[in-house]
Amino acid sequence: MASHVLVPEHKKMAKEEAEKILLKYNISRKQLPRVKINDAAIENLQCEIGDVIEITRKSEIYGDIKFYRVVTK
């Protein structure tokens, strides 16, 4: 992960975790927002196209908020 203070935490999800999230929200990978495979924030995660990335942003009001992206080329 890029170590800049403004870059939120990025984590590559296990296949099983990703499937649970997709089922929970009743969506497919095609419906997730995209992140490019060469994005600096995920360059150290050894991602492959189709992997799901969990992004955790900090909020003073809501605490930790999770967002999901699918890796594309």
N, C-alpha and C. Protein backbone atom coordinates (compact mmCIF):
# COMPACT_ATOMS: atom_id res chain seq x y z
N MET A 1 0.83 -1.17 0.00
CA MET A 1 0.00 0.00 0.00
C MET A 1 0.88 1.24 0.00
N ALA A 2 0.43 2.26 -0.68
CA ALA A 2 1.14 3.53 -0.66
C ALA A 2 1.10 4.07 0.76
N SER A 3 2.18 4.67 1.20
CA SER A 3 2.27 5.08 2.60
C SER A 3 1.99 6.57 2.79
N HIS A 4 1.18 7.14 1.99
CA HIS A 4 0.81 8.54 2.12
C HIS A 4 -0.30 8.68 3.15
N VAL A 5 -0.27 9.73 3.93
CA VAL A 5 -1.24 9.91 5.01
C VAL A 5 -2.68 10.01 4.49
N LEU A 6 -2.86 10.45 3.26
CA LEU A 6 -4.21 10.61 2.71
C LEU A 6 -4.74 9.36 2.01
N VAL A 7 -3.91 8.33 1.87
CA VAL A 7 -4.34 7.09 1.22
C VAL A 7 -4.94 6.17 2.27
N PRO A 8 -6.23 5.81 2.13
CA PRO A 8 -6.84 4.91 3.11
C PRO A 8 -6.27 3.50 3.00
N GLU A 9 -6.53 2.69 4.00
CA GLU A 9 -6.04 1.30 4.01
C GLU A 9 -6.70 0.49 2.90
N HIS A 10 -5.89 -0.23 2.14
CA HIS A 10 -6.36 -1.12 1.07
C HIS A 10 -5.98 -2.54 1.44
N LYS A 11 -6.91 -3.48 1.23
CA LYS A 11 -6.66 -4.89 1.55
C LYS A 11 -7.25 -5.76 0.45
N LYS A 12 -6.44 -6.70 -0.02
CA LYS A 12 -6.94 -7.67 -1.01
C LYS A 12 -7.78 -8.70 -0.24
N MET A 13 -9.00 -8.92 -0.68
CA MET A 13 -9.89 -9.84 0.00
C MET A 13 -9.67 -11.27 -0.51
N ALA A 14 -9.80 -12.22 0.38
CA ALA A 14 -9.79 -13.62 -0.01
C ALA A 14 -11.02 -13.89 -0.87
N LYS A 15 -10.93 -14.88 -1.73
CA LYS A 15 -12.05 -15.20 -2.64
C LYS A 15 -13.35 -15.43 -1.86
N GLU A 16 -13.26 -16.16 -0.73
CA GLU A 16 -14.46 -16.47 0.07
C GLU A 16 -15.05 -15.20 0.68
N GLU A 17 -14.19 -14.31 1.17
CA GLU A 17 -14.66 -13.04 1.74
C GLU A 17 -15.37 -12.20 0.68
N ALA A 18 -14.76 -12.14 -0.50
CA ALA A 18 -15.33 -11.36 -1.59
C ALA A 18 -16.70 -11.89 -1.98
N GLU A 19 -16.83 -13.22 -2.06
CA GLU A 19 -18.11 -13.82 -2.41
C GLU A 19 -19.19 -13.48 -1.38
N LYS A 20 -18.82 -13.49 -0.10
CA LYS A 20 -19.78 -13.14 0.96
C LYS A 20 -20.27 -11.70 0.81
N ILE A 21 -19.35 -10.80 0.48
CA ILE A 21 -19.73 -9.39 0.29
C ILE A 21 -20.66 -9.24 -0.90
N LEU A 22 -20.33 -9.91 -2.00
CA LEU A 22 -21.17 -9.84 -3.20
C LEU A 22 -22.57 -10.39 -2.92
N LEU A 23 -22.65 -11.48 -2.16
CA LEU A 23 -23.95 -12.04 -1.80
C LEU A 23 -24.70 -11.12 -0.84
N LYS A 24 -23.99 -10.55 0.12
CA LYS A 24 -24.61 -9.66 1.11
C LYS A 24 -25.31 -8.48 0.42
N TYR A 25 -24.64 -7.90 -0.58
CA TYR A 25 -25.20 -6.73 -1.27
C TYR A 25 -25.93 -7.11 -2.56
N ASN A 26 -26.01 -8.41 -2.86
CA ASN A 26 -26.71 -8.91 -4.03
C ASN A 26 -26.22 -8.21 -5.31
N ILE A 27 -24.89 -8.22 -5.49
CA ILE A 27 -24.28 -7.59 -6.66
C ILE A 27 -23.27 -8.54 -7.28
N SER A 28 -22.82 -8.21 -8.47
CA SER A 28 -21.77 -8.97 -9.14
C SER A 28 -20.50 -8.13 -9.19
N ARG A 29 -19.40 -8.74 -9.55
CA ARG A 29 -18.14 -8.00 -9.67
C ARG A 29 -18.27 -6.86 -10.69
N LYS A 30 -19.05 -7.08 -11.74
CA LYS A 30 -19.22 -6.06 -12.78
C LYS A 30 -19.88 -4.79 -12.23
N GLN A 31 -20.62 -4.92 -11.14
CA GLN A 31 -21.32 -3.77 -10.58
C GLN A 31 -20.47 -2.98 -9.58
N LEU A 32 -19.32 -3.52 -9.20
CA LEU A 32 -18.45 -2.80 -8.28
C LEU A 32 -17.68 -1.71 -9.02
N PRO A 33 -17.35 -0.63 -8.33
CA PRO A 33 -16.44 0.37 -8.92
C PRO A 33 -15.10 -0.30 -9.20
N ARG A 34 -14.32 0.29 -10.09
CA ARG A 34 -13.07 -0.34 -10.52
C ARG A 34 -11.84 0.37 -9.95
N VAL A 35 -10.77 -0.38 -9.85
CA VAL A 35 -9.45 0.16 -9.55
C VAL A 35 -8.48 -0.49 -10.52
N LYS A 36 -7.63 0.31 -11.12
CA LYS A 36 -6.66 -0.22 -12.09
C LYS A 36 -5.60 -1.05 -11.39
N ILE A 37 -5.16 -2.10 -12.06
CA ILE A 37 -4.17 -3.01 -11.49
C ILE A 37 -2.84 -2.31 -11.22
N ASN A 38 -2.56 -1.22 -11.93
CA ASN A 38 -1.31 -0.49 -11.72
C ASN A 38 -1.47 0.71 -10.80
N ASP A 39 -2.59 0.80 -10.09
CA ASP A 39 -2.82 1.88 -9.12
C ASP A 39 -1.79 1.80 -8.00
N ALA A 40 -1.20 2.90 -7.63
CA ALA A 40 -0.14 2.93 -6.61
C ALA A 40 -0.63 2.42 -5.26
N ALA A 41 -1.91 2.58 -4.95
CA ALA A 41 -2.43 2.16 -3.65
C ALA A 41 -2.46 0.65 -3.48
N ILE A 42 -2.48 -0.10 -4.59
CA ILE A 42 -2.56 -1.56 -4.50
C ILE A 42 -1.35 -2.27 -5.08
N GLU A 43 -0.32 -1.53 -5.42
CA GLU A 43 0.82 -2.13 -6.12
C GLU A 43 1.54 -3.21 -5.31
N ASN A 44 1.48 -3.16 -3.99
CA ASN A 44 2.18 -4.15 -3.15
C ASN A 44 1.28 -5.29 -2.69
N LEU A 45 0.06 -5.37 -3.19
CA LEU A 45 -0.88 -6.39 -2.74
C LEU A 45 -0.88 -7.65 -3.62
N GLN A 46 -0.06 -7.71 -4.65
CA GLN A 46 -0.02 -8.83 -5.59
C GLN A 46 -1.42 -9.18 -6.10
N CYS A 47 -2.09 -8.19 -6.64
CA CYS A 47 -3.46 -8.38 -7.13
C CYS A 47 -3.47 -8.94 -8.54
N GLU A 48 -4.57 -9.61 -8.85
CA GLU A 48 -4.84 -10.09 -10.20
C GLU A 48 -6.16 -9.46 -10.65
N ILE A 49 -6.37 -9.42 -11.91
CA ILE A 49 -7.61 -8.88 -12.45
C ILE A 49 -8.77 -9.71 -11.92
N GLY A 50 -9.80 -9.03 -11.41
CA GLY A 50 -10.96 -9.72 -10.85
C GLY A 50 -10.94 -9.79 -9.34
N ASP A 51 -9.79 -9.51 -8.71
CA ASP A 51 -9.73 -9.50 -7.25
C ASP A 51 -10.57 -8.34 -6.70
N VAL A 52 -11.08 -8.53 -5.49
CA VAL A 52 -11.85 -7.48 -4.82
C VAL A 52 -10.98 -6.87 -3.74
N ILE A 53 -10.94 -5.54 -3.72
CA ILE A 53 -10.16 -4.78 -2.76
C ILE A 53 -11.11 -4.12 -1.77
N GLU A 54 -10.78 -4.25 -0.49
CA GLU A 54 -11.55 -3.57 0.56
C GLU A 54 -10.77 -2.34 0.98
N ILE A 55 -11.43 -1.18 0.92
CA ILE A 55 -10.81 0.08 1.30
C ILE A 55 -11.49 0.56 2.57
N THR A 56 -10.70 0.83 3.60
CA THR A 56 -11.24 1.29 4.87
C THR A 56 -10.87 2.74 5.07
N ARG A 57 -11.89 3.59 5.07
CA ARG A 57 -11.68 5.02 5.29
C ARG A 57 -12.11 5.37 6.70
N LYS A 58 -11.39 6.28 7.31
CA LYS A 58 -11.70 6.74 8.66
C LYS A 58 -12.61 7.96 8.57
N SER A 59 -13.65 7.98 9.42
CA SER A 59 -14.57 9.10 9.49
C SER A 59 -14.75 9.49 10.95
N GLU A 60 -14.65 10.77 11.23
CA GLU A 60 -14.84 11.25 12.60
C GLU A 60 -16.27 11.00 13.07
N ILE A 61 -17.20 11.00 12.17
CA ILE A 61 -18.61 10.84 12.53
C ILE A 61 -19.03 9.38 12.54
N TYR A 62 -18.65 8.63 11.51
CA TYR A 62 -19.14 7.26 11.34
C TYR A 62 -18.13 6.18 11.71
N GLY A 63 -16.92 6.55 12.07
CA GLY A 63 -15.89 5.54 12.37
C GLY A 63 -15.29 5.00 11.08
N ASP A 64 -14.98 3.72 11.05
CA ASP A 64 -14.41 3.09 9.85
C ASP A 64 -15.52 2.76 8.86
N ILE A 65 -15.31 3.17 7.61
CA ILE A 65 -16.28 2.90 6.55
C ILE A 65 -15.58 2.06 5.50
N LYS A 66 -16.21 0.98 5.07
CA LYS A 66 -15.61 0.07 4.09
C LYS A 66 -16.23 0.28 2.71
N PHE A 67 -15.34 0.31 1.72
CA PHE A 67 -15.72 0.42 0.32
C PHE A 67 -15.07 -0.74 -0.42
N TYR A 68 -15.63 -1.13 -1.54
CA TYR A 68 -15.12 -2.28 -2.28
C TYR A 68 -14.91 -1.89 -3.74
N ARG A 69 -13.81 -2.38 -4.31
CA ARG A 69 -13.47 -2.14 -5.71
C ARG A 69 -13.01 -3.45 -6.33
N VAL A 70 -13.21 -3.58 -7.63
CA VAL A 70 -12.71 -4.75 -8.34
C VAL A 70 -11.52 -4.30 -9.20
N VAL A 71 -10.50 -5.16 -9.25
CA VAL A 71 -9.28 -4.84 -9.98
C VAL A 71 -9.49 -5.10 -11.47
N THR A 72 -9.13 -4.09 -12.29
CA THR A 72 -9.24 -4.22 -13.75
C THR A 72 -7.90 -3.80 -14.38
N LYS A 73 -7.79 -4.06 -15.68
CA LYS A 73 -6.55 -3.64 -16.34
C LYS A 73 -6.64 -2.26 -16.90
